[in-house]
């Protein structure tokens, strides 16, 4: 007589069933790696294509020169005013 409540032996144990469906965790990790790679590539290409120097802006330089001259003239007029 065998005991029906006894634990099954290793030969009788069923294999644990694998979880059905898609391996979501691994997929999310790979999506994160791909996203980080794409972001890094974007910034490297953007930095490489940006010009190392910018051409001087002649208009801005001329405006600054006019402002400096106007400030110099105002200072000269203030000095010549009778106290």
N, C-alpha and C. Protein backbone atom coordinates (compact mmCIF):
# COMPACT_ATOMS: atom_id res chain seq x y z
N UNK A 1 0.82 -1.17 0.00
CA UNK A 1 0.00 0.00 0.00
C UNK A 1 0.88 1.25 0.00
N UNK A 2 0.57 2.19 -0.90
CA UNK A 2 1.34 3.42 -0.99
C UNK A 2 0.53 4.56 -0.41
N UNK A 3 1.24 5.46 0.12
CA UNK A 3 0.58 6.63 0.72
C UNK A 3 0.36 7.66 -0.38
N UNK A 4 -0.87 8.02 -0.65
CA UNK A 4 -1.19 8.97 -1.73
C UNK A 4 -0.88 10.41 -1.34
N UNK A 5 -0.64 10.67 -0.08
CA UNK A 5 -0.35 12.04 0.34
C UNK A 5 1.13 12.30 0.42
N UNK A 6 1.96 11.33 0.11
CA UNK A 6 3.41 11.52 0.18
C UNK A 6 3.85 12.45 -0.93
N UNK A 7 4.95 13.13 -0.67
CA UNK A 7 5.49 14.07 -1.66
C UNK A 7 6.00 13.30 -2.86
N UNK A 8 5.78 13.81 -4.06
CA UNK A 8 6.25 13.09 -5.25
C UNK A 8 7.77 13.09 -5.30
N UNK A 9 8.33 12.08 -5.85
CA UNK A 9 9.78 12.00 -6.01
C UNK A 9 10.20 12.90 -7.16
N UNK A 10 11.51 13.02 -7.32
CA UNK A 10 12.01 13.92 -8.35
C UNK A 10 11.57 13.47 -9.74
N UNK A 11 11.35 12.18 -9.91
CA UNK A 11 10.91 11.69 -11.21
C UNK A 11 9.45 12.05 -11.47
N UNK A 12 8.68 12.19 -10.41
CA UNK A 12 7.25 12.43 -10.56
C UNK A 12 6.89 13.91 -10.55
N UNK A 13 7.80 14.77 -10.14
CA UNK A 13 7.49 16.20 -10.04
C UNK A 13 7.34 16.80 -11.43
N UNK A 14 6.30 17.54 -11.63
CA UNK A 14 6.15 18.20 -12.95
C UNK A 14 7.10 19.41 -13.04
N UNK A 15 7.54 19.71 -14.23
CA UNK A 15 8.40 20.88 -14.45
C UNK A 15 7.58 22.14 -14.22
N UNK A 16 8.17 23.16 -13.56
CA UNK A 16 7.40 24.40 -13.39
C UNK A 16 7.14 25.02 -14.76
N UNK A 17 5.94 25.46 -14.95
CA UNK A 17 5.56 26.05 -16.23
C UNK A 17 6.17 27.43 -16.36
N UNK A 18 6.69 27.71 -17.52
CA UNK A 18 7.22 29.05 -17.78
C UNK A 18 6.06 30.00 -17.93
N UNK A 19 6.30 31.23 -17.50
CA UNK A 19 5.24 32.23 -17.60
C UNK A 19 4.94 32.50 -19.07
N UNK A 20 3.71 32.42 -19.43
CA UNK A 20 3.37 32.70 -20.83
C UNK A 20 3.46 34.20 -21.10
N UNK A 21 3.64 34.52 -22.32
CA UNK A 21 3.63 35.93 -22.70
C UNK A 21 5.03 36.43 -23.06
N UNK A 22 5.11 37.73 -23.22
CA UNK A 22 6.31 38.40 -23.68
C UNK A 22 7.19 38.77 -22.49
N UNK A 23 8.52 38.63 -22.56
CA UNK A 23 9.40 39.03 -21.45
C UNK A 23 9.50 40.56 -21.37
N UNK A 24 8.60 41.15 -20.66
CA UNK A 24 8.47 42.61 -20.62
C UNK A 24 9.70 43.28 -20.01
N UNK A 25 10.23 42.73 -18.95
CA UNK A 25 11.37 43.35 -18.28
C UNK A 25 12.57 43.48 -19.20
N UNK A 26 12.90 42.41 -19.90
CA UNK A 26 14.04 42.44 -20.80
C UNK A 26 13.80 43.43 -21.95
N UNK A 27 12.59 43.48 -22.42
CA UNK A 27 12.24 44.40 -23.50
C UNK A 27 12.42 45.85 -23.05
N UNK A 28 11.97 46.16 -21.85
CA UNK A 28 12.11 47.52 -21.34
C UNK A 28 13.57 47.92 -21.14
N UNK A 29 14.39 46.97 -20.71
CA UNK A 29 15.82 47.26 -20.56
C UNK A 29 16.43 47.59 -21.91
N UNK A 30 16.11 46.78 -22.93
CA UNK A 30 16.67 47.03 -24.26
C UNK A 30 16.15 48.34 -24.85
N UNK A 31 14.90 48.67 -24.58
CA UNK A 31 14.38 49.96 -25.05
C UNK A 31 15.11 51.11 -24.37
N UNK A 32 15.42 50.96 -23.09
CA UNK A 32 16.18 51.99 -22.38
C UNK A 32 17.57 52.15 -22.93
N UNK A 33 18.24 51.03 -23.23
CA UNK A 33 19.58 51.08 -23.81
C UNK A 33 19.54 51.74 -25.19
N UNK A 34 18.55 51.37 -26.00
CA UNK A 34 18.43 51.95 -27.33
C UNK A 34 18.13 53.45 -27.25
N UNK A 35 17.28 53.84 -26.32
CA UNK A 35 16.96 55.26 -26.16
C UNK A 35 18.16 56.06 -25.70
N UNK A 36 18.93 55.52 -24.76
CA UNK A 36 20.13 56.21 -24.28
C UNK A 36 21.15 56.34 -25.41
N UNK A 37 21.30 55.29 -26.21
CA UNK A 37 22.23 55.33 -27.34
C UNK A 37 21.80 56.37 -28.37
N UNK A 38 20.52 56.43 -28.65
CA UNK A 38 20.02 57.41 -29.62
C UNK A 38 20.22 58.83 -29.11
N UNK A 39 19.98 59.05 -27.83
CA UNK A 39 20.16 60.38 -27.25
C UNK A 39 21.62 60.79 -27.30
N UNK A 40 22.51 59.89 -26.92
CA UNK A 40 23.94 60.19 -26.95
C UNK A 40 24.40 60.49 -28.37
N UNK A 41 23.94 59.69 -29.33
CA UNK A 41 24.30 59.92 -30.74
C UNK A 41 23.80 61.28 -31.21
N UNK A 42 22.58 61.65 -30.83
CA UNK A 42 22.02 62.94 -31.23
C UNK A 42 22.90 64.08 -30.74
N UNK A 43 23.29 64.04 -29.46
CA UNK A 43 24.08 65.14 -28.92
C UNK A 43 25.49 65.17 -29.50
N UNK A 44 26.07 64.02 -29.80
CA UNK A 44 27.40 63.99 -30.42
C UNK A 44 27.34 64.58 -31.82
N UNK A 45 26.35 64.19 -32.61
CA UNK A 45 26.21 64.71 -33.98
C UNK A 45 25.91 66.21 -33.93
N UNK A 46 25.06 66.61 -33.01
CA UNK A 46 24.72 68.04 -32.89
C UNK A 46 25.96 68.86 -32.54
N UNK A 47 26.79 68.37 -31.62
CA UNK A 47 28.00 69.09 -31.24
C UNK A 47 29.01 69.10 -32.39
N UNK A 48 29.06 68.03 -33.16
CA UNK A 48 30.00 67.95 -34.27
C UNK A 48 29.62 68.88 -35.41
N UNK A 49 28.34 69.07 -35.64
CA UNK A 49 27.89 69.89 -36.76
C UNK A 49 27.81 71.37 -36.42
N UNK A 50 27.85 71.70 -35.14
CA UNK A 50 27.79 73.11 -34.74
C UNK A 50 29.11 73.78 -35.10
N UNK A 51 29.05 74.95 -35.69
CA UNK A 51 30.31 75.62 -36.04
C UNK A 51 31.10 75.98 -34.78
N UNK A 52 32.42 75.82 -34.89
CA UNK A 52 33.29 76.09 -33.74
C UNK A 52 33.33 77.59 -33.42
N UNK A 53 33.14 78.41 -34.40
CA UNK A 53 33.16 79.86 -34.18
C UNK A 53 31.98 80.47 -34.90
N UNK A 54 31.59 81.61 -34.44
CA UNK A 54 30.52 82.34 -35.12
C UNK A 54 31.12 83.60 -35.73
N UNK A 55 30.63 83.94 -36.87
CA UNK A 55 31.11 85.14 -37.54
C UNK A 55 30.74 86.37 -36.71
N UNK A 56 31.64 87.33 -36.64
CA UNK A 56 31.32 88.52 -35.86
C UNK A 56 30.15 89.27 -36.49
N UNK A 57 29.29 89.75 -35.64
CA UNK A 57 28.12 90.47 -36.10
C UNK A 57 28.49 91.95 -36.22
N UNK A 58 28.63 92.41 -37.46
CA UNK A 58 29.06 93.79 -37.69
C UNK A 58 28.02 94.79 -37.20
N UNK A 59 26.76 94.46 -37.32
CA UNK A 59 25.71 95.37 -36.87
C UNK A 59 25.78 95.56 -35.36
N UNK A 60 25.92 94.49 -34.62
CA UNK A 60 26.00 94.59 -33.17
C UNK A 60 27.24 95.37 -32.75
N UNK A 61 28.35 95.15 -33.46
CA UNK A 61 29.57 95.89 -33.15
C UNK A 61 29.38 97.38 -33.41
N UNK A 62 28.71 97.73 -34.50
CA UNK A 62 28.47 99.14 -34.85
C UNK A 62 27.54 99.80 -33.84
N UNK A 63 26.51 99.08 -33.43
CA UNK A 63 25.58 99.63 -32.42
C UNK A 63 26.31 99.87 -31.11
N UNK A 64 27.16 98.92 -30.69
CA UNK A 64 27.90 99.10 -29.45
C UNK A 64 28.85 100.28 -29.56
N UNK A 65 29.47 100.48 -30.72
CA UNK A 65 30.35 101.63 -30.91
C UNK A 65 29.57 102.94 -30.81
N UNK A 66 28.37 102.99 -31.39
CA UNK A 66 27.54 104.20 -31.30
C UNK A 66 27.11 104.46 -29.86
N UNK A 67 26.77 103.42 -29.12
CA UNK A 67 26.39 103.59 -27.71
C UNK A 67 27.57 104.12 -26.91
N UNK A 68 28.75 103.57 -27.16
CA UNK A 68 29.94 104.04 -26.44
C UNK A 68 30.22 105.51 -26.76
N UNK A 69 30.08 105.87 -28.03
CA UNK A 69 30.31 107.27 -28.42
C UNK A 69 29.27 108.19 -27.78
N UNK A 70 28.02 107.77 -27.74
CA UNK A 70 26.98 108.59 -27.12
C UNK A 70 27.26 108.75 -25.64
N UNK A 71 27.66 107.70 -24.96
CA UNK A 71 28.00 107.80 -23.54
C UNK A 71 29.18 108.75 -23.32
N UNK A 72 30.17 108.70 -24.20
CA UNK A 72 31.32 109.60 -24.09
C UNK A 72 30.89 111.05 -24.27
N UNK A 73 30.00 111.30 -25.24
CA UNK A 73 29.52 112.66 -25.48
C UNK A 73 28.69 113.17 -24.29
N UNK A 74 27.87 112.33 -23.73
CA UNK A 74 27.07 112.73 -22.56
C UNK A 74 27.98 113.08 -21.40
N UNK A 75 29.01 112.26 -21.21
CA UNK A 75 29.96 112.54 -20.12
C UNK A 75 30.67 113.86 -20.35
N UNK A 76 31.06 114.13 -21.60
CA UNK A 76 31.73 115.39 -21.93
C UNK A 76 30.80 116.58 -21.67
N UNK A 77 29.53 116.46 -22.05
CA UNK A 77 28.57 117.54 -21.82
C UNK A 77 28.34 117.77 -20.32
N UNK A 78 28.27 116.69 -19.56
CA UNK A 78 28.10 116.82 -18.10
C UNK A 78 29.29 117.54 -17.48
N UNK A 79 30.48 117.29 -17.98
CA UNK A 79 31.68 117.94 -17.43
C UNK A 79 31.71 119.43 -17.78
N UNK A 80 31.14 119.81 -18.93
CA UNK A 80 31.16 121.21 -19.37
C UNK A 80 30.03 122.03 -18.78
N UNK A 81 29.06 121.40 -18.15
CA UNK A 81 27.95 122.15 -17.55
C UNK A 81 28.48 123.02 -16.42
N UNK A 82 27.91 124.23 -16.31
CA UNK A 82 28.32 125.07 -15.17
C UNK A 82 27.73 124.49 -13.89
N UNK A 83 28.51 124.40 -12.88
CA UNK A 83 28.06 123.83 -11.61
C UNK A 83 27.16 124.71 -10.84
